[in-house]
Amino acid sequence: MSDTRARIYRHIESHPGVHFRELTRALDLATGQVQYHLARLDRVHSESVNGRTHYYAASFDLWERRAIAFLRRETARDILVTLIERETARPGEVADHLDVARSTLEHHLDGLVDHDIVEKHRDGGQVTLALCRPESTVELLAAVDPTATDRLSDRFTRLLDRLFESG
């Protein structure tokens, strides 16, 4: 294995769910160079979640890869942490707790529910949220440290939501 390929693999292994642009920035490599080596790394899986391609060592299964992709996004991670702490909660409670617009919460919940990370229970007119696999989610949370770029992107979205709500 070439030195560049080994560097790419080590970075993916130590930063599960890293997305392509962050990988090129962190390693200071050209996009074509990273694409070339990724195509030749058979121990790496990719998963596209909400428009971003994330990379993982082969040890993660499909559910784990998708959960990690969401854990790398600040708002989705905050939703999951809230559900870890409370076990169950109504959507309005989660939105208020996180100080996000209900539409922002629902946007993130759509993906989380679609990928079986969060489930919505309906009891009459009430909706309650809960984690599908709480123990696994807690374990994965420890493995993920979102990048500054991911955090800034999420905070910008929250700022825009607040501006549109108040205007």
C-alpha atoms as a PDB file:
ATOM      1  CA  MET A   1       0.000   0.000   0.000  1.00  0.00           C
ATOM      2  CA  SER A   2       1.361   3.432  -0.913  1.00  0.00           C
ATOM      3  CA  ASP A   3       2.088   6.003   1.799  1.00  0.00           C
ATOM      4  CA  THR A   4      -0.747   8.238   0.558  1.00  0.00           C
ATOM      5  CA  ARG A   5      -3.243   5.381   0.542  1.00  0.00           C
ATOM      6  CA  ALA A   6      -2.136   4.347   4.039  1.00  0.00           C
ATOM      7  CA  ARG A   7      -2.581   7.951   5.280  1.00  0.00           C
ATOM      8  CA  ILE A   8      -6.076   8.083   3.825  1.00  0.00           C
ATOM      9  CA  TYR A   9      -7.009   4.763   5.411  1.00  0.00           C
ATOM     10  CA  ARG A  10      -5.609   5.737   8.831  1.00  0.00           C
ATOM     11  CA  HIS A  11      -7.554   8.993   8.734  1.00  0.00           C
ATOM     12  CA  ILE A  12     -10.801   7.214   7.843  1.00  0.00           C
ATOM     13  CA  GLU A  13     -10.184   4.628  10.530  1.00  0.00           C
ATOM     14  CA  SER A  14      -9.598   7.278  13.208  1.00  0.00           C
ATOM     15  CA  HIS A  15     -12.391   9.597  11.966  1.00  0.00           C
ATOM     16  CA  PRO A  16     -15.297   7.303  11.037  1.00  0.00           C
ATOM     17  CA  GLY A  17     -17.855   8.978   8.822  1.00  0.00           C
ATOM     18  CA  VAL A  18     -15.484  11.653   7.549  1.00  0.00           C
ATOM     19  CA  HIS A  19     -16.867  13.200   4.391  1.00  0.00           C
ATOM     20  CA  PHE A  20     -14.903  13.634   1.176  1.00  0.00           C
ATOM     21  CA  ARG A  21     -14.100  17.344   1.386  1.00  0.00           C
ATOM     22  CA  GLU A  22     -13.011  17.086   4.984  1.00  0.00           C
ATOM     23  CA  LEU A  23     -10.767  14.174   4.035  1.00  0.00           C
ATOM     24  CA  THR A  24      -9.063  16.208   1.298  1.00  0.00           C
ATOM     25  CA  ARG A  25      -8.667  19.227   3.623  1.00  0.00           C
ATOM     26  CA  ALA A  26      -7.379  17.257   6.603  1.00  0.00           C
ATOM     27  CA  LEU A  27      -4.744  15.454   4.544  1.00  0.00           C
ATOM     28  CA  ASP A  28      -3.986  18.405   2.230  1.00  0.00           C
ATOM     29  CA  LEU A  29      -4.457  16.252  -0.873  1.00  0.00           C
ATOM     30  CA  ALA A  30      -5.977  17.032  -4.253  1.00  0.00           C
ATOM     31  CA  THR A  31      -9.494  15.720  -4.857  1.00  0.00           C
ATOM     32  CA  GLY A  32      -8.383  13.580  -7.785  1.00  0.00           C
ATOM     33  CA  GLN A  33      -5.630  12.053  -5.708  1.00  0.00           C
ATOM     34  CA  VAL A  34      -8.070  11.130  -2.916  1.00  0.00           C
ATOM     35  CA  GLN A  35     -10.582   9.743  -5.429  1.00  0.00           C
ATOM     36  CA  TYR A  36      -7.891   7.584  -7.026  1.00  0.00           C
ATOM     37  CA  HIS A  37      -6.766   6.063  -3.734  1.00  0.00           C
ATOM     38  CA  LEU A  38     -10.281   5.617  -2.331  1.00  0.00           C
ATOM     39  CA  ALA A  39     -11.204   3.592  -5.417  1.00  0.00           C
ATOM     40  CA  ARG A  40      -8.374   1.199  -4.576  1.00  0.00           C
ATOM     41  CA  LEU A  41      -9.062   0.817  -0.864  1.00  0.00           C
ATOM     42  CA  ASP A  42     -11.191  -2.296  -0.505  1.00  0.00           C
ATOM     43  CA  ARG A  43     -11.263  -1.978   3.310  1.00  0.00           C
ATOM     44  CA  VAL A  44     -13.258   1.289   3.063  1.00  0.00           C
ATOM     45  CA  HIS A  45     -17.024   1.623   2.708  1.00  0.00           C
ATOM     46  CA  SER A  46     -18.813   4.758   1.605  1.00  0.00           C
ATOM     47  CA  GLU A  47     -22.317   5.806   2.477  1.00  0.00           C
ATOM     48  CA  SER A  48     -24.243   8.736   1.053  1.00  0.00           C
ATOM     49  CA  VAL A  49     -26.537  10.349   3.611  1.00  0.00           C
ATOM     50  CA  ASN A  50     -28.425  13.577   2.910  1.00  0.00           C
ATOM     51  CA  GLY A  51     -26.199  14.572   0.008  1.00  0.00           C
ATOM     52  CA  ARG A  52     -22.818  13.900   1.628  1.00  0.00           C
ATOM     53  CA  THR A  53     -20.643  10.871   1.065  1.00  0.00           C
ATOM     54  CA  HIS A  54     -19.053   9.565   4.245  1.00  0.00           C
ATOM     55  CA  TYR A  55     -16.216   7.026   4.521  1.00  0.00           C
ATOM     56  CA  TYR A  56     -15.749   4.230   7.044  1.00  0.00           C
ATOM     57  CA  ALA A  57     -13.475   1.330   7.838  1.00  0.00           C
ATOM     58  CA  ALA A  58     -15.087  -1.966   6.849  1.00  0.00           C
ATOM     59  CA  SER A  59     -15.802  -2.860  10.486  1.00  0.00           C
ATOM     60  CA  PHE A  60     -19.005  -0.741  10.571  1.00  0.00           C
ATOM     61  CA  ASP A  61     -22.315  -2.212   9.418  1.00  0.00           C
ATOM     62  CA  LEU A  62     -24.896  -0.275   7.377  1.00  0.00           C
ATOM     63  CA  TRP A  63     -26.920   0.937  10.382  1.00  0.00           C
ATOM     64  CA  GLU A  64     -23.756   2.096  12.170  1.00  0.00           C
ATOM     65  CA  ARG A  65     -22.510   3.946   9.075  1.00  0.00           C
ATOM     66  CA  ARG A  66     -25.778   5.834   8.731  1.00  0.00           C
ATOM     67  CA  ALA A  67     -25.973   6.601  12.454  1.00  0.00           C
ATOM     68  CA  ILE A  68     -22.417   7.956  12.411  1.00  0.00           C
ATOM     69  CA  ALA A  69     -23.229  10.181   9.435  1.00  0.00           C
ATOM     70  CA  PHE A  70     -26.012  11.788  11.479  1.00  0.00           C
ATOM     71  CA  LEU A  71     -23.868  11.996  14.606  1.00  0.00           C
ATOM     72  CA  ARG A  72     -21.364  14.072  12.621  1.00  0.00           C
ATOM     73  CA  ARG A  73     -24.041  16.757  12.166  1.00  0.00           C
ATOM     74  CA  GLU A  74     -24.523  18.977  15.175  1.00  0.00           C
ATOM     75  CA  THR A  75     -28.302  19.324  15.159  1.00  0.00           C
ATOM     76  CA  ALA A  76     -28.945  15.636  14.495  1.00  0.00           C
ATOM     77  CA  ARG A  77     -26.398  14.737  17.183  1.00  0.00           C
ATOM     78  CA  ASP A  78     -28.092  17.113  19.638  1.00  0.00           C
ATOM     79  CA  ILE A  79     -31.437  15.433  18.928  1.00  0.00           C
ATOM     80  CA  LEU A  80     -29.923  12.013  19.579  1.00  0.00           C
ATOM     81  CA  VAL A  81     -28.204  13.164  22.790  1.00  0.00           C
ATOM     82  CA  THR A  82     -31.511  14.612  24.012  1.00  0.00           C
ATOM     83  CA  LEU A  83     -33.202  11.264  23.378  1.00  0.00           C
ATOM     84  CA  ILE A  84     -30.370   9.432  25.140  1.00  0.00           C
ATOM     85  CA  GLU A  85     -30.863  11.670  28.176  1.00  0.00           C
ATOM     86  CA  ARG A  86     -34.683  11.575  28.212  1.00  0.00           C
ATOM     87  CA  GLU A  87     -35.312   8.151  26.627  1.00  0.00           C
ATOM     88  CA  THR A  88     -38.537   9.497  25.073  1.00  0.00           C
ATOM     89  CA  ALA A  89     -39.755  13.005  24.280  1.00  0.00           C
ATOM     90  CA  ARG A  90     -42.357  14.790  22.223  1.00  0.00           C
ATOM     91  CA  PRO A  91     -41.047  16.689  19.179  1.00  0.00           C
ATOM     92  CA  GLY A  92     -42.063  20.078  20.576  1.00  0.00           C
ATOM     93  CA  GLU A  93     -40.102  19.387  23.766  1.00  0.00           C
ATOM     94  CA  VAL A  94     -36.991  18.475  21.778  1.00  0.00           C
ATOM     95  CA  ALA A  95     -37.284  21.571  19.547  1.00  0.00           C
ATOM     96  CA  ASP A  96     -37.707  23.828  22.595  1.00  0.00           C
ATOM     97  CA  HIS A  97     -34.850  22.167  24.459  1.00  0.00           C
ATOM     98  CA  LEU A  98     -32.493  22.594  21.490  1.00  0.00           C
ATOM     99  CA  ASP A  99     -33.834  26.057  20.612  1.00  0.00           C
ATOM    100  CA  VAL A 100     -34.438  25.067  16.980  1.00  0.00           C
ATOM    101  CA  ALA A 101     -37.398  25.669  14.728  1.00  0.00           C
ATOM    102  CA  ARG A 102     -39.866  22.817  14.598  1.00  0.00           C
ATOM    103  CA  SER A 103     -39.256  22.653  10.808  1.00  0.00           C
ATOM    104  CA  THR A 104     -35.520  22.170  11.436  1.00  0.00           C
ATOM    105  CA  LEU A 105     -36.245  19.419  13.920  1.00  0.00           C
ATOM    106  CA  GLU A 106     -38.609  17.686  11.480  1.00  0.00           C
ATOM    107  CA  HIS A 107     -36.048  17.965   8.665  1.00  0.00           C
ATOM    108  CA  HIS A 108     -33.513  16.062  10.762  1.00  0.00           C
ATOM    109  CA  LEU A 109     -36.105  13.644  12.112  1.00  0.00           C
ATOM    110  CA  ASP A 110     -37.102  12.682   8.561  1.00  0.00           C
ATOM    111  CA  GLY A 111     -33.650  11.229   7.926  1.00  0.00           C
ATOM    112  CA  LEU A 112     -33.286   9.767  11.404  1.00  0.00           C
ATOM    113  CA  VAL A 113     -36.630   7.981  11.120  1.00  0.00           C
ATOM    114  CA  ASP A 114     -36.024   6.859   7.508  1.00  0.00           C
ATOM    115  CA  HIS A 115     -32.748   5.215   8.576  1.00  0.00           C
ATOM    116  CA  ASP A 116     -34.219   3.519  11.696  1.00  0.00           C
ATOM    117  CA  ILE A 117     -32.205   5.566  14.151  1.00  0.00           C
ATOM    118  CA  VAL A 118     -35.219   7.266  15.752  1.00  0.00           C
ATOM    119  CA  GLU A 119     -38.770   6.008  15.858  1.00  0.00           C
ATOM    120  CA  LYS A 120     -41.980   7.974  16.170  1.00  0.00           C
ATOM    121  CA  HIS A 121     -44.712   6.432  18.302  1.00  0.00           C
ATOM    122  CA  ARG A 122     -48.234   7.727  17.736  1.00  0.00           C
ATOM    123  CA  ASP A 123     -50.734   7.477  20.546  1.00  0.00           C
ATOM    124  CA  GLY A 124     -53.879   9.238  19.451  1.00  0.00           C
ATOM    125  CA  GLY A 125     -52.853  12.760  18.577  1.00  0.00           C
ATOM    126  CA  GLN A 126     -49.546  12.594  20.480  1.00  0.00           C
ATOM    127  CA  VAL A 127     -46.197  11.753  18.885  1.00  0.00           C
ATOM    128  CA  THR A 128     -43.342  10.512  21.036  1.00  0.00           C
ATOM    129  CA  LEU A 129     -39.754  10.096  19.861  1.00  0.00           C
ATOM    130  CA  ALA A 130     -37.370   7.355  20.981  1.00  0.00           C
ATOM    131  CA  LEU A 131     -34.086   5.867  19.823  1.00  0.00           C
ATOM    132  CA  CYS A 132     -34.344   2.574  17.936  1.00  0.00           C
ATOM    133  CA  ARG A 133     -31.024   1.282  19.329  1.00  0.00           C
ATOM    134  CA  PRO A 134     -30.090   3.397  22.371  1.00  0.00           C
ATOM    135  CA  GLU A 135     -27.081   1.352  23.528  1.00  0.00           C
ATOM    136  CA  SER A 136     -25.550   1.287  20.051  1.00  0.00           C
ATOM    137  CA  THR A 137     -26.170   5.012  19.613  1.00  0.00           C
ATOM    138  CA  VAL A 138     -24.327   5.764  22.873  1.00  0.00           C
ATOM    139  CA  GLU A 139     -21.361   3.637  21.761  1.00  0.00           C
ATOM    140  CA  LEU A 140     -21.165   5.374  18.375  1.00  0.00           C
ATOM    141  CA  LEU A 141     -21.447   8.814  19.941  1.00  0.00           C
ATOM    142  CA  ALA A 142     -18.107   8.213  21.650  1.00  0.00           C
ATOM    143  CA  ALA A 143     -16.462   7.442  18.286  1.00  0.00           C
ATOM    144  CA  VAL A 144     -17.557  10.632  16.517  1.00  0.00           C
ATOM    145  CA  ASP A 145     -16.085  14.092  16.783  1.00  0.00           C
ATOM    146  CA  PRO A 146     -17.674  16.389  14.201  1.00  0.00           C
ATOM    147  CA  THR A 147     -15.386  18.766  12.366  1.00  0.00           C
ATOM    148  CA  ALA A 148     -15.455  22.525  12.780  1.00  0.00           C
ATOM    149  CA  THR A 149     -16.870  22.795   9.251  1.00  0.00           C
ATOM    150  CA  ASP A 150     -19.759  20.475  10.145  1.00  0.00           C
ATOM    151  CA  ARG A 151     -20.518  22.477  13.302  1.00  0.00           C
ATOM    152  CA  LEU A 152     -20.382  25.838  11.488  1.00  0.00           C
ATOM    153  CA  SER A 153     -22.695  24.590   8.744  1.00  0.00           C
ATOM    154  CA  ASP A 154     -25.250  23.428  11.307  1.00  0.00           C
ATOM    155  CA  ARG A 155     -25.028  26.671  13.277  1.00  0.00           C
ATOM    156  CA  PHE A 156     -25.535  28.724  10.117  1.00  0.00           C
ATOM    157  CA  THR A 157     -28.696  26.740   9.364  1.00  0.00           C
ATOM    158  CA  ARG A 158     -29.972  27.366  12.902  1.00  0.00           C
ATOM    159  CA  LEU A 159     -29.265  31.086  12.539  1.00  0.00           C
ATOM    160  CA  LEU A 160     -31.221  31.271   9.292  1.00  0.00           C
ATOM    161  CA  ASP A 161     -34.127  29.413  10.887  1.00  0.00           C
ATOM    162  CA  ARG A 162     -34.280  31.958  13.702  1.00  0.00           C
ATOM    163  CA  LEU A 163     -34.176  34.863  11.242  1.00  0.00           C
ATOM    164  CA  PHE A 164     -37.046  33.445   9.185  1.00  0.00           C
ATOM    165  CA  GLU A 165     -39.098  32.656  12.291  1.00  0.00           C
ATOM    166  CA  SER A 166     -38.803  36.181  13.665  1.00  0.00           C
ATOM    167  CA  GLY A 167     -39.283  37.935  10.324  1.00  0.00           C
END
